């Protein structure tokens, strides 16, 4: 069982299994990876006696050994994923450390991004409003809104004072009176 799991781990670089099997596999496969760093006929034969698959041994010595050549040990990582539905066994993912692109970045040439916030910032480079040529005044956006509201209220007051409310006619007689008043006003 361990040789098959070790072959699958080397072939796929990551497998899902139970925590107990993953810990046993770690003990089984890490010495094989250490032996693959030294590419000799003897080390190939020792590893082949454990794995029993020529293609897996070739991949181990060709690809995996090159990638983990400078690492002194700890070639695998166990990530717990929760429990299995049927028997509530603890499940995990065992993977080769250098093949996970999430944790290992090959180049860190990108400069770190600035921290982003969700709230807006007031612009500091606001153009001052020119009242006349000699003085300038900077108004905040709130002050501008208040000024616009005051102007609108004044305009409404002017319109109301210009229009004269006339009594509403209730019958034909009132309409005739209204026509006479309009003629008199003109």
N, C-alpha and C. Protein backbone atom coordinates (compact mmCIF):
# COMPACT_ATOMS: atom_id res chain seq x y z
N UNK A 1 0.83 -1.19 0.00
CA UNK A 1 0.00 0.00 0.00
C UNK A 1 0.87 1.25 0.00
N UNK A 2 1.92 1.28 0.83
CA UNK A 2 2.76 2.48 0.90
C UNK A 2 3.52 2.71 -0.39
N UNK A 3 3.95 1.65 -1.06
CA UNK A 3 4.67 1.85 -2.32
C UNK A 3 3.74 2.42 -3.39
N UNK A 4 2.49 1.97 -3.42
CA UNK A 4 1.52 2.53 -4.38
C UNK A 4 1.22 3.99 -4.07
N UNK A 5 1.05 4.30 -2.79
CA UNK A 5 0.79 5.70 -2.41
C UNK A 5 1.99 6.58 -2.71
N UNK A 6 3.19 6.06 -2.48
CA UNK A 6 4.40 6.84 -2.78
C UNK A 6 4.50 7.08 -4.28
N UNK A 7 4.18 6.07 -5.09
CA UNK A 7 4.17 6.25 -6.54
C UNK A 7 3.16 7.29 -6.98
N UNK A 8 1.98 7.27 -6.38
CA UNK A 8 0.95 8.27 -6.71
C UNK A 8 1.38 9.66 -6.29
N UNK A 9 2.02 9.77 -5.12
CA UNK A 9 2.48 11.08 -4.64
C UNK A 9 3.54 11.65 -5.58
N UNK A 10 4.47 10.82 -6.03
CA UNK A 10 5.52 11.30 -6.93
C UNK A 10 4.94 11.64 -8.30
N UNK A 11 3.98 10.86 -8.76
CA UNK A 11 3.38 11.10 -10.08
C UNK A 11 2.49 12.34 -10.09
N UNK A 12 1.62 12.47 -9.08
CA UNK A 12 0.62 13.55 -9.08
C UNK A 12 1.02 14.75 -8.22
N UNK A 13 2.05 14.61 -7.42
CA UNK A 13 2.59 15.67 -6.54
C UNK A 13 1.68 16.01 -5.37
N UNK A 14 0.46 15.46 -5.34
CA UNK A 14 -0.48 15.73 -4.25
C UNK A 14 -1.55 14.64 -4.26
N UNK A 15 -1.86 14.10 -3.07
CA UNK A 15 -2.92 13.09 -2.99
C UNK A 15 -3.76 13.33 -1.74
N UNK A 16 -5.02 12.91 -1.80
CA UNK A 16 -5.92 12.98 -0.65
C UNK A 16 -5.93 11.63 0.04
N UNK A 17 -5.79 11.63 1.35
CA UNK A 17 -5.80 10.40 2.12
C UNK A 17 -6.13 10.72 3.57
N UNK A 18 -6.11 9.69 4.42
CA UNK A 18 -6.35 9.93 5.85
C UNK A 18 -5.06 10.40 6.50
N UNK A 19 -5.18 11.01 7.67
CA UNK A 19 -4.02 11.55 8.36
C UNK A 19 -3.05 10.43 8.76
N UNK A 20 -3.57 9.30 9.23
CA UNK A 20 -2.71 8.19 9.66
C UNK A 20 -1.90 7.65 8.48
N UNK A 21 -2.54 7.49 7.33
CA UNK A 21 -1.82 7.00 6.15
C UNK A 21 -0.80 8.03 5.67
N UNK A 22 -1.15 9.31 5.76
CA UNK A 22 -0.24 10.36 5.32
C UNK A 22 1.02 10.39 6.18
N UNK A 23 0.86 10.22 7.50
CA UNK A 23 2.03 10.21 8.38
C UNK A 23 2.91 9.00 8.10
N UNK A 24 2.30 7.86 7.84
CA UNK A 24 3.07 6.67 7.50
C UNK A 24 3.77 6.84 6.15
N UNK A 25 3.08 7.47 5.19
CA UNK A 25 3.66 7.70 3.87
C UNK A 25 4.84 8.66 3.94
N UNK A 26 4.73 9.66 4.79
CA UNK A 26 5.83 10.61 4.95
C UNK A 26 7.10 9.89 5.40
N UNK A 27 6.97 9.00 6.36
CA UNK A 27 8.13 8.25 6.86
C UNK A 27 8.69 7.34 5.76
N UNK A 28 7.84 6.85 4.88
CA UNK A 28 8.24 5.93 3.82
C UNK A 28 8.90 6.66 2.64
N UNK A 29 8.36 7.81 2.24
CA UNK A 29 8.77 8.44 0.98
C UNK A 29 9.94 9.42 1.16
N UNK A 30 10.09 10.04 2.31
CA UNK A 30 11.16 11.02 2.45
C UNK A 30 12.56 10.42 2.32
N UNK A 31 12.85 9.24 2.89
CA UNK A 31 14.17 8.65 2.63
C UNK A 31 14.40 8.31 1.15
N UNK A 32 13.33 7.97 0.43
CA UNK A 32 13.47 7.69 -1.00
C UNK A 32 13.84 8.96 -1.77
N UNK A 33 13.23 10.07 -1.38
CA UNK A 33 13.55 11.34 -2.04
C UNK A 33 14.98 11.75 -1.71
N UNK A 34 15.43 11.50 -0.49
CA UNK A 34 16.82 11.80 -0.11
C UNK A 34 17.78 10.95 -0.94
N UNK A 35 17.46 9.68 -1.16
CA UNK A 35 18.32 8.80 -1.98
C UNK A 35 18.35 9.27 -3.43
N UNK A 36 17.25 9.90 -3.89
CA UNK A 36 17.20 10.33 -5.29
C UNK A 36 18.09 11.54 -5.57
N UNK A 37 18.55 12.21 -4.54
CA UNK A 37 19.46 13.34 -4.75
C UNK A 37 20.80 12.85 -5.31
N UNK A 38 21.21 11.66 -4.92
CA UNK A 38 22.46 11.08 -5.39
C UNK A 38 22.12 10.12 -6.53
N UNK A 39 22.29 10.57 -7.76
CA UNK A 39 21.87 9.79 -8.93
C UNK A 39 22.94 8.78 -9.33
N UNK A 40 22.92 7.66 -8.66
CA UNK A 40 23.82 6.56 -9.01
C UNK A 40 22.97 5.32 -9.29
N UNK A 41 23.61 4.33 -9.89
CA UNK A 41 22.91 3.09 -10.21
C UNK A 41 22.42 2.41 -8.94
N UNK A 42 23.25 2.41 -7.91
CA UNK A 42 22.86 1.76 -6.66
C UNK A 42 21.63 2.43 -6.04
N UNK A 43 21.63 3.78 -5.99
CA UNK A 43 20.47 4.48 -5.39
C UNK A 43 19.21 4.26 -6.22
N UNK A 44 19.35 4.19 -7.54
CA UNK A 44 18.18 3.91 -8.39
C UNK A 44 17.62 2.52 -8.10
N UNK A 45 18.50 1.55 -7.93
CA UNK A 45 18.03 0.19 -7.67
C UNK A 45 17.38 0.07 -6.30
N UNK A 46 17.91 0.78 -5.30
CA UNK A 46 17.32 0.76 -3.96
C UNK A 46 15.92 1.37 -4.01
N UNK A 47 15.79 2.51 -4.69
CA UNK A 47 14.49 3.17 -4.80
C UNK A 47 13.53 2.31 -5.61
N UNK A 48 14.01 1.65 -6.67
CA UNK A 48 13.16 0.79 -7.49
C UNK A 48 12.65 -0.41 -6.68
N UNK A 49 13.47 -0.90 -5.75
CA UNK A 49 13.03 -2.03 -4.92
C UNK A 49 11.86 -1.64 -4.02
N UNK A 50 11.75 -0.36 -3.71
CA UNK A 50 10.63 0.12 -2.89
C UNK A 50 9.40 0.49 -3.73
N UNK A 51 9.62 1.15 -4.87
CA UNK A 51 8.50 1.68 -5.65
C UNK A 51 7.96 0.71 -6.70
N UNK A 52 8.79 -0.13 -7.27
CA UNK A 52 8.38 -1.16 -8.24
C UNK A 52 7.77 -0.60 -9.52
N UNK A 53 8.13 0.61 -9.91
CA UNK A 53 7.62 1.19 -11.14
C UNK A 53 8.73 2.02 -11.78
N UNK A 54 9.12 1.62 -12.99
CA UNK A 54 10.27 2.24 -13.65
C UNK A 54 9.99 3.71 -14.01
N UNK A 55 8.78 4.02 -14.46
CA UNK A 55 8.44 5.41 -14.85
C UNK A 55 8.44 6.33 -13.63
N UNK A 56 7.95 5.84 -12.51
CA UNK A 56 7.91 6.66 -11.29
C UNK A 56 9.34 6.93 -10.80
N UNK A 57 10.21 5.90 -10.86
CA UNK A 57 11.60 6.08 -10.44
C UNK A 57 12.30 7.08 -11.35
N UNK A 58 12.04 7.00 -12.65
CA UNK A 58 12.64 7.95 -13.59
C UNK A 58 12.18 9.37 -13.29
N UNK A 59 10.90 9.55 -13.02
CA UNK A 59 10.38 10.88 -12.71
C UNK A 59 10.96 11.40 -11.39
N UNK A 60 11.10 10.52 -10.42
CA UNK A 60 11.67 10.91 -9.13
C UNK A 60 13.10 11.42 -9.30
N UNK A 61 13.92 10.69 -10.03
CA UNK A 61 15.31 11.09 -10.20
C UNK A 61 15.46 12.25 -11.18
N UNK A 62 14.61 12.34 -12.20
CA UNK A 62 14.74 13.38 -13.21
C UNK A 62 14.15 14.72 -12.74
N UNK A 63 12.92 14.71 -12.23
CA UNK A 63 12.23 15.97 -11.93
C UNK A 63 12.27 16.34 -10.45
N UNK A 64 11.84 15.44 -9.61
CA UNK A 64 11.69 15.75 -8.18
C UNK A 64 13.04 16.01 -7.53
N UNK A 65 14.04 15.18 -7.82
CA UNK A 65 15.35 15.33 -7.19
C UNK A 65 16.01 16.66 -7.56
N UNK A 66 15.80 17.10 -8.79
CA UNK A 66 16.37 18.38 -9.21
C UNK A 66 15.73 19.53 -8.46
N UNK A 67 14.42 19.44 -8.27
CA UNK A 67 13.69 20.53 -7.62
C UNK A 67 13.98 20.62 -6.12
N UNK A 68 14.21 19.48 -5.46
CA UNK A 68 14.43 19.48 -4.01
C UNK A 68 15.90 19.31 -3.66
N UNK A 69 16.79 19.50 -4.62
CA UNK A 69 18.21 19.24 -4.43
C UNK A 69 18.85 20.02 -3.30
N UNK A 70 18.45 21.25 -3.07
CA UNK A 70 19.08 22.06 -2.03
C UNK A 70 18.35 22.00 -0.70
N UNK A 71 17.23 21.33 -0.65
CA UNK A 71 16.45 21.23 0.60
C UNK A 71 17.04 20.13 1.48
N UNK A 72 17.29 20.41 2.76
CA UNK A 72 17.91 19.41 3.63
C UNK A 72 16.96 18.34 4.15
N UNK A 73 15.69 18.46 3.93
CA UNK A 73 14.72 17.48 4.40
C UNK A 73 13.35 18.11 4.43
N UNK A 74 12.35 17.38 4.88
CA UNK A 74 11.00 17.93 4.94
C UNK A 74 10.42 18.15 3.57
N UNK A 75 10.38 17.12 2.76
CA UNK A 75 9.95 17.23 1.36
C UNK A 75 8.44 17.20 1.21
N UNK A 76 7.72 16.79 2.24
CA UNK A 76 6.27 16.67 2.14
C UNK A 76 5.58 17.58 3.14
N UNK A 77 4.34 17.90 2.83
CA UNK A 77 3.52 18.74 3.71
C UNK A 77 2.16 18.07 3.85
N UNK A 78 1.64 18.06 5.07
CA UNK A 78 0.32 17.47 5.33
C UNK A 78 -0.63 18.60 5.71
N UNK A 79 -1.70 18.74 4.93
CA UNK A 79 -2.72 19.77 5.18
C UNK A 79 -4.02 19.07 5.54
N UNK A 80 -4.51 19.27 6.75
CA UNK A 80 -5.74 18.62 7.18
C UNK A 80 -6.94 19.30 6.53
N UNK A 81 -7.89 18.47 6.06
CA UNK A 81 -9.04 19.01 5.34
C UNK A 81 -10.37 18.76 6.03
N UNK A 82 -10.37 18.08 7.16
CA UNK A 82 -11.63 17.83 7.84
C UNK A 82 -11.85 16.34 8.00
N UNK A 83 -13.12 15.96 8.11
CA UNK A 83 -13.43 14.55 8.32
C UNK A 83 -14.21 13.99 7.14
N UNK A 84 -14.09 12.69 6.93
CA UNK A 84 -14.80 11.99 5.86
C UNK A 84 -16.23 11.74 6.31
N UNK A 85 -17.17 11.84 5.39
CA UNK A 85 -18.58 11.71 5.73
C UNK A 85 -18.95 10.33 6.27
N UNK A 86 -18.50 9.28 5.63
CA UNK A 86 -18.97 7.94 5.97
C UNK A 86 -18.56 7.48 7.35
N UNK A 87 -17.24 7.58 7.67
CA UNK A 87 -16.76 7.03 8.93
C UNK A 87 -16.11 8.07 9.85
N UNK A 88 -16.20 9.32 9.49
CA UNK A 88 -15.69 10.42 10.30
C UNK A 88 -14.18 10.33 10.50
N UNK A 89 -13.46 9.77 9.54
CA UNK A 89 -12.00 9.69 9.61
C UNK A 89 -11.41 11.04 9.23
N UNK A 90 -10.33 11.44 9.89
CA UNK A 90 -9.67 12.71 9.58
C UNK A 90 -8.98 12.60 8.23
N UNK A 91 -9.31 13.51 7.33
CA UNK A 91 -8.75 13.50 5.98
C UNK A 91 -7.72 14.60 5.85
N UNK A 92 -6.81 14.42 4.90
CA UNK A 92 -5.78 15.43 4.66
C UNK A 92 -5.29 15.33 3.23
N UNK A 93 -4.51 16.31 2.86
CA UNK A 93 -3.82 16.31 1.58
C UNK A 93 -2.34 16.24 1.90
N UNK A 94 -1.63 15.27 1.32
CA UNK A 94 -0.18 15.22 1.45
C UNK A 94 0.38 15.63 0.10
N UNK A 95 1.35 16.54 0.12
CA UNK A 95 1.89 17.07 -1.12
C UNK A 95 3.38 17.27 -1.01
N UNK A 96 4.04 17.33 -2.15
CA UNK A 96 5.45 17.66 -2.19
C UNK A 96 5.58 19.17 -2.05
N UNK A 97 6.43 19.61 -1.15
CA UNK A 97 6.49 21.01 -0.76
C UNK A 97 6.85 21.92 -1.93
N UNK A 98 7.82 21.57 -2.72
CA UNK A 98 8.31 22.47 -3.76
C UNK A 98 7.40 22.55 -4.98
N UNK A 99 6.37 21.74 -5.03
CA UNK A 99 5.46 21.75 -6.18
C UNK A 99 4.18 22.53 -5.92
N UNK A 100 3.99 23.07 -4.74
CA UNK A 100 2.79 23.84 -4.45
C UNK A 100 3.08 25.30 -4.77
N UNK A 101 2.40 25.85 -5.78
CA UNK A 101 2.65 27.22 -6.19
C UNK A 101 2.00 28.23 -5.26
N UNK A 102 1.09 27.80 -4.41
CA UNK A 102 0.45 28.72 -3.48
C UNK A 102 1.43 29.19 -2.41
N UNK A 103 2.22 28.25 -1.89
CA UNK A 103 3.15 28.58 -0.82
C UNK A 103 4.54 28.94 -1.31
N UNK A 104 4.93 28.45 -2.47
CA UNK A 104 6.27 28.68 -3.00
C UNK A 104 6.15 29.58 -4.21
N UNK A 105 6.80 30.74 -4.14
CA UNK A 105 6.82 31.61 -5.30
C UNK A 105 8.24 31.63 -5.84
N UNK A 106 8.37 31.44 -7.14
CA UNK A 106 9.69 31.32 -7.74
C UNK A 106 10.38 32.68 -7.81
N UNK A 107 9.66 33.74 -8.18
CA UNK A 107 10.26 35.06 -8.26
C UNK A 107 9.41 36.02 -7.45
N UNK A 108 10.07 36.82 -6.68
CA UNK A 108 9.36 37.83 -5.90
C UNK A 108 9.79 39.21 -6.37
N UNK A 109 9.73 39.42 -7.69
CA UNK A 109 10.15 40.69 -8.27
C UNK A 109 9.05 41.75 -8.18
N UNK A 110 7.83 41.32 -7.95
CA UNK A 110 6.74 42.28 -7.83
C UNK A 110 6.87 43.07 -6.54
N UNK A 111 6.65 44.37 -6.63
CA UNK A 111 6.70 45.13 -5.40
C UNK A 111 5.35 45.01 -4.68
N UNK A 112 5.37 45.06 -3.36
CA UNK A 112 4.12 44.85 -2.61
C UNK A 112 3.12 45.95 -2.91
N UNK A 113 1.87 45.55 -2.97
CA UNK A 113 0.80 46.51 -3.25
C UNK A 113 0.50 47.33 -2.00
N UNK A 114 0.08 48.55 -2.22
CA UNK A 114 -0.30 49.40 -1.10
C UNK A 114 -1.59 48.90 -0.49
N UNK A 115 -1.74 49.12 0.78
CA UNK A 115 -2.95 48.68 1.48
C UNK A 115 -4.13 49.50 0.97
N UNK A 116 -5.20 48.81 0.63
CA UNK A 116 -6.38 49.49 0.12
C UNK A 116 -7.41 49.61 1.22
N UNK A 117 -8.07 50.75 1.26
CA UNK A 117 -9.14 50.95 2.21
C UNK A 117 -10.42 51.17 1.43
N UNK A 118 -11.53 50.93 2.08
CA UNK A 118 -12.82 51.05 1.41
C UNK A 118 -13.39 52.46 1.53
N UNK A 119 -12.97 53.18 2.51
CA UNK A 119 -13.54 54.52 2.69
C UNK A 119 -12.85 55.50 1.75
N UNK A 120 -13.57 56.51 1.35
CA UNK A 120 -13.03 57.50 0.45
C UNK A 120 -12.20 58.52 1.19
N UNK A 121 -11.24 59.06 0.50
CA UNK A 121 -10.40 60.09 1.09
C UNK A 121 -10.75 61.42 0.45
N UNK A 122 -10.72 62.48 1.24
CA UNK A 122 -10.98 63.80 0.71
C UNK A 122 -9.80 64.23 -0.13
N UNK A 123 -10.08 64.81 -1.30
CA UNK A 123 -8.98 65.21 -2.17
C UNK A 123 -8.31 66.44 -1.60
N UNK A 124 -7.00 66.37 -1.53
CA UNK A 124 -6.23 67.48 -0.95
C UNK A 124 -5.87 68.50 -2.02
N UNK A 125 -5.97 68.15 -3.27
CA UNK A 125 -5.58 69.05 -4.35
C UNK A 125 -6.80 69.69 -4.98
N UNK A 126 -7.63 70.29 -4.17
CA UNK A 126 -8.84 70.94 -4.65
C UNK A 126 -8.50 72.34 -5.14
N UNK A 127 -9.05 72.72 -6.28
CA UNK A 127 -8.79 74.03 -6.86
C UNK A 127 -9.50 75.11 -6.05
N UNK A 128 -8.81 76.19 -5.68
CA UNK A 128 -9.48 77.27 -4.97
C UNK A 128 -10.40 78.02 -5.92
N UNK A 129 -11.55 78.47 -5.40
CA UNK A 129 -12.48 79.24 -6.21
C UNK A 129 -12.10 80.71 -6.13
N UNK A 130 -12.11 81.37 -7.28
CA UNK A 130 -11.73 82.77 -7.34
C UNK A 130 -12.99 83.61 -7.21
N UNK A 131 -13.06 84.40 -6.14
CA UNK A 131 -14.20 85.28 -5.93
C UNK A 131 -13.98 86.56 -6.71
N UNK A 132 -12.87 87.15 -6.53
CA UNK A 132 -12.45 88.25 -7.39
C UNK A 132 -10.95 88.09 -7.62
N UNK A 133 -10.38 88.93 -8.40
CA UNK A 133 -8.99 88.74 -8.82
C UNK A 133 -8.00 88.87 -7.67
N UNK A 134 -8.33 89.57 -6.62
CA UNK A 134 -7.36 89.81 -5.56
C UNK A 134 -7.39 88.76 -4.47
N UNK A 135 -8.55 88.18 -4.21
CA UNK A 135 -8.62 87.19 -3.12
C UNK A 135 -9.13 85.86 -3.65
N UNK A 136 -8.67 84.83 -3.02
CA UNK A 136 -9.16 83.49 -3.35
C UNK A 136 -9.69 82.85 -2.08
N UNK A 137 -10.70 82.03 -2.25
CA UNK A 137 -11.30 81.39 -1.09
C UNK A 137 -11.53 79.91 -1.43
N UNK A 138 -11.14 79.06 -0.52
CA UNK A 138 -11.36 77.63 -0.70
C UNK A 138 -12.58 77.25 0.11
N UNK A 139 -13.58 76.66 -0.57
CA UNK A 139 -14.79 76.25 0.12
C UNK A 139 -14.85 74.74 0.15
N UNK A 140 -15.29 74.22 1.24
CA UNK A 140 -15.45 72.78 1.34
C UNK A 140 -16.71 72.37 0.57
N UNK A 141 -16.81 71.11 0.19
CA UNK A 141 -18.00 70.67 -0.55
C UNK A 141 -19.29 70.88 0.24
N UNK A 142 -19.23 70.76 1.57
CA UNK A 142 -20.43 70.98 2.38
C UNK A 142 -20.89 72.43 2.31
N UNK A 143 -19.93 73.36 2.32
CA UNK A 143 -20.27 74.77 2.25
C UNK A 143 -20.90 75.09 0.90
N UNK A 144 -20.40 74.47 -0.16
CA UNK A 144 -20.98 74.70 -1.49
C UNK A 144 -22.43 74.23 -1.54
N UNK A 145 -22.71 73.10 -0.97
CA UNK A 145 -24.07 72.56 -0.96
C UNK A 145 -24.99 73.49 -0.18
N UNK A 146 -24.53 74.00 0.96
CA UNK A 146 -25.36 74.92 1.75
C UNK A 146 -25.63 76.20 0.98
N UNK A 147 -24.61 76.71 0.26
CA UNK A 147 -24.82 77.93 -0.54
C UNK A 147 -25.86 77.69 -1.64
N UNK A 148 -25.80 76.55 -2.28
CA UNK A 148 -26.76 76.24 -3.34
C UNK A 148 -28.17 76.13 -2.78
N UNK A 149 -28.30 75.54 -1.59
CA UNK A 149 -29.62 75.43 -0.97
C UNK A 149 -30.17 76.81 -0.65
N UNK A 150 -29.32 77.71 -0.13
CA UNK A 150 -29.77 79.07 0.20
C UNK A 150 -30.24 79.79 -1.06
N UNK A 151 -29.49 79.64 -2.16
CA UNK A 151 -29.88 80.29 -3.41
C UNK A 151 -31.22 79.75 -3.90
N UNK A 152 -31.43 78.45 -3.79
CA UNK A 152 -32.68 77.85 -4.23
C UNK A 152 -33.85 78.35 -3.39
N UNK A 153 -33.65 78.48 -2.07
CA UNK A 153 -34.71 78.99 -1.19
C UNK A 153 -35.05 80.43 -1.54
N UNK A 154 -34.03 81.25 -1.82
CA UNK A 154 -34.27 82.65 -2.19
C UNK A 154 -35.04 82.75 -3.50
N UNK A 155 -34.70 81.90 -4.45
CA UNK A 155 -35.42 81.93 -5.73
C UNK A 155 -36.88 81.54 -5.54
N UNK A 156 -37.14 80.56 -4.70
CA UNK A 156 -38.52 80.16 -4.44
C UNK A 156 -39.29 81.30 -3.79
N UNK A 157 -38.66 82.01 -2.84
CA UNK A 157 -39.32 83.14 -2.18
C UNK A 157 -39.64 84.24 -3.19
N UNK A 158 -38.73 84.51 -4.13
CA UNK A 158 -38.97 85.54 -5.14
C UNK A 158 -40.15 85.16 -6.03
N UNK A 159 -40.18 83.89 -6.42
CA UNK A 159 -41.27 83.44 -7.29
C UNK A 159 -42.59 83.55 -6.56
N UNK A 160 -42.64 83.20 -5.27
CA UNK A 160 -43.87 83.29 -4.51
C UNK A 160 -44.32 84.73 -4.35
N UNK A 161 -43.40 85.66 -4.14
CA UNK A 161 -43.79 87.06 -3.94
C UNK A 161 -44.28 87.67 -5.25
N UNK A 162 -43.78 87.20 -6.40
CA UNK A 162 -44.21 87.74 -7.67
C UNK A 162 -45.61 87.27 -8.04
N UNK A 163 -45.94 86.07 -7.72
CA UNK A 163 -47.26 85.57 -8.07
C UNK A 163 -48.25 85.92 -6.97
N UNK A 164 -49.38 86.44 -7.38
CA UNK A 164 -50.41 86.82 -6.42
C UNK A 164 -51.48 85.74 -6.48
N UNK A 165 -51.78 85.23 -5.32
CA UNK A 165 -52.80 84.21 -5.28
C UNK A 165 -54.17 84.89 -5.37
N UNK A 166 -54.97 84.41 -6.28
CA UNK A 166 -56.31 84.97 -6.44
C UNK A 166 -57.32 83.98 -5.90
N UNK A 167 -58.49 84.48 -5.43
CA UNK A 167 -59.50 83.57 -4.90
C UNK A 167 -60.04 82.69 -6.01
N UNK A 168 -60.36 81.46 -5.67
CA UNK A 168 -60.87 80.52 -6.65
C UNK A 168 -62.36 80.80 -6.87
N UNK A 169 -62.76 80.90 -8.13
CA UNK A 169 -64.17 81.15 -8.41
C UNK A 169 -65.01 79.92 -8.13
N UNK A 170 -66.19 80.16 -7.58
CA UNK A 170 -67.06 79.04 -7.27
C UNK A 170 -68.20 78.93 -8.27
N UNK A 171 -68.45 80.04 -9.00
CA UNK A 171 -69.52 79.98 -9.98
C UNK A 171 -69.18 80.88 -11.16
N UNK A 172 -70.12 81.05 -12.09
CA UNK A 172 -69.88 81.85 -13.29
C UNK A 172 -69.72 83.32 -12.96
N UNK A 173 -70.39 83.77 -11.94
CA UNK A 173 -70.32 85.16 -11.54
C UNK A 173 -68.90 85.51 -11.11
N UNK A 174 -68.25 84.58 -10.40
CA UNK A 174 -66.88 84.79 -9.95
C UNK A 174 -65.92 84.86 -11.12
N UNK A 175 -66.19 84.10 -12.18
CA UNK A 175 -65.31 84.13 -13.33
C UNK A 175 -65.40 85.48 -14.04
N UNK A 176 -66.58 86.03 -14.08
CA UNK A 176 -66.74 87.34 -14.72
C UNK A 176 -66.02 88.40 -13.92
N UNK A 177 -66.10 88.30 -12.59
CA UNK A 177 -65.40 89.25 -11.73
C UNK A 177 -63.88 89.14 -11.97
N UNK A 178 -63.39 87.91 -12.15
CA UNK A 178 -61.96 87.69 -12.36
C UNK A 178 -61.52 88.34 -13.67
N UNK A 179 -62.36 88.22 -14.70
CA UNK A 179 -62.01 88.80 -15.99
C UNK A 179 -61.96 90.32 -15.88
N UNK A 180 -62.87 90.91 -15.13
CA UNK A 180 -62.88 92.36 -14.94
C UNK A 180 -61.65 92.81 -14.16
N UNK A 181 -61.28 92.08 -13.15
CA UNK A 181 -60.10 92.45 -12.36
C UNK A 181 -58.83 92.39 -13.21
N UNK A 182 -58.75 91.40 -14.09
CA UNK A 182 -57.57 91.29 -14.93
C UNK A 182 -57.52 92.46 -15.91
N UNK A 183 -58.66 92.86 -16.43
CA UNK A 183 -58.70 93.97 -17.36
C UNK A 183 -58.33 95.28 -16.64
N UNK A 184 -58.80 95.43 -15.41
CA UNK A 184 -58.48 96.61 -14.65
C UNK A 184 -56.98 96.68 -14.33
N UNK A 185 -56.41 95.54 -14.06
CA UNK A 185 -54.98 95.48 -13.70
C UNK A 185 -54.11 95.84 -14.90
N UNK A 186 -54.59 95.54 -16.11
CA UNK A 186 -53.79 95.81 -17.30
C UNK A 186 -53.91 97.26 -17.63
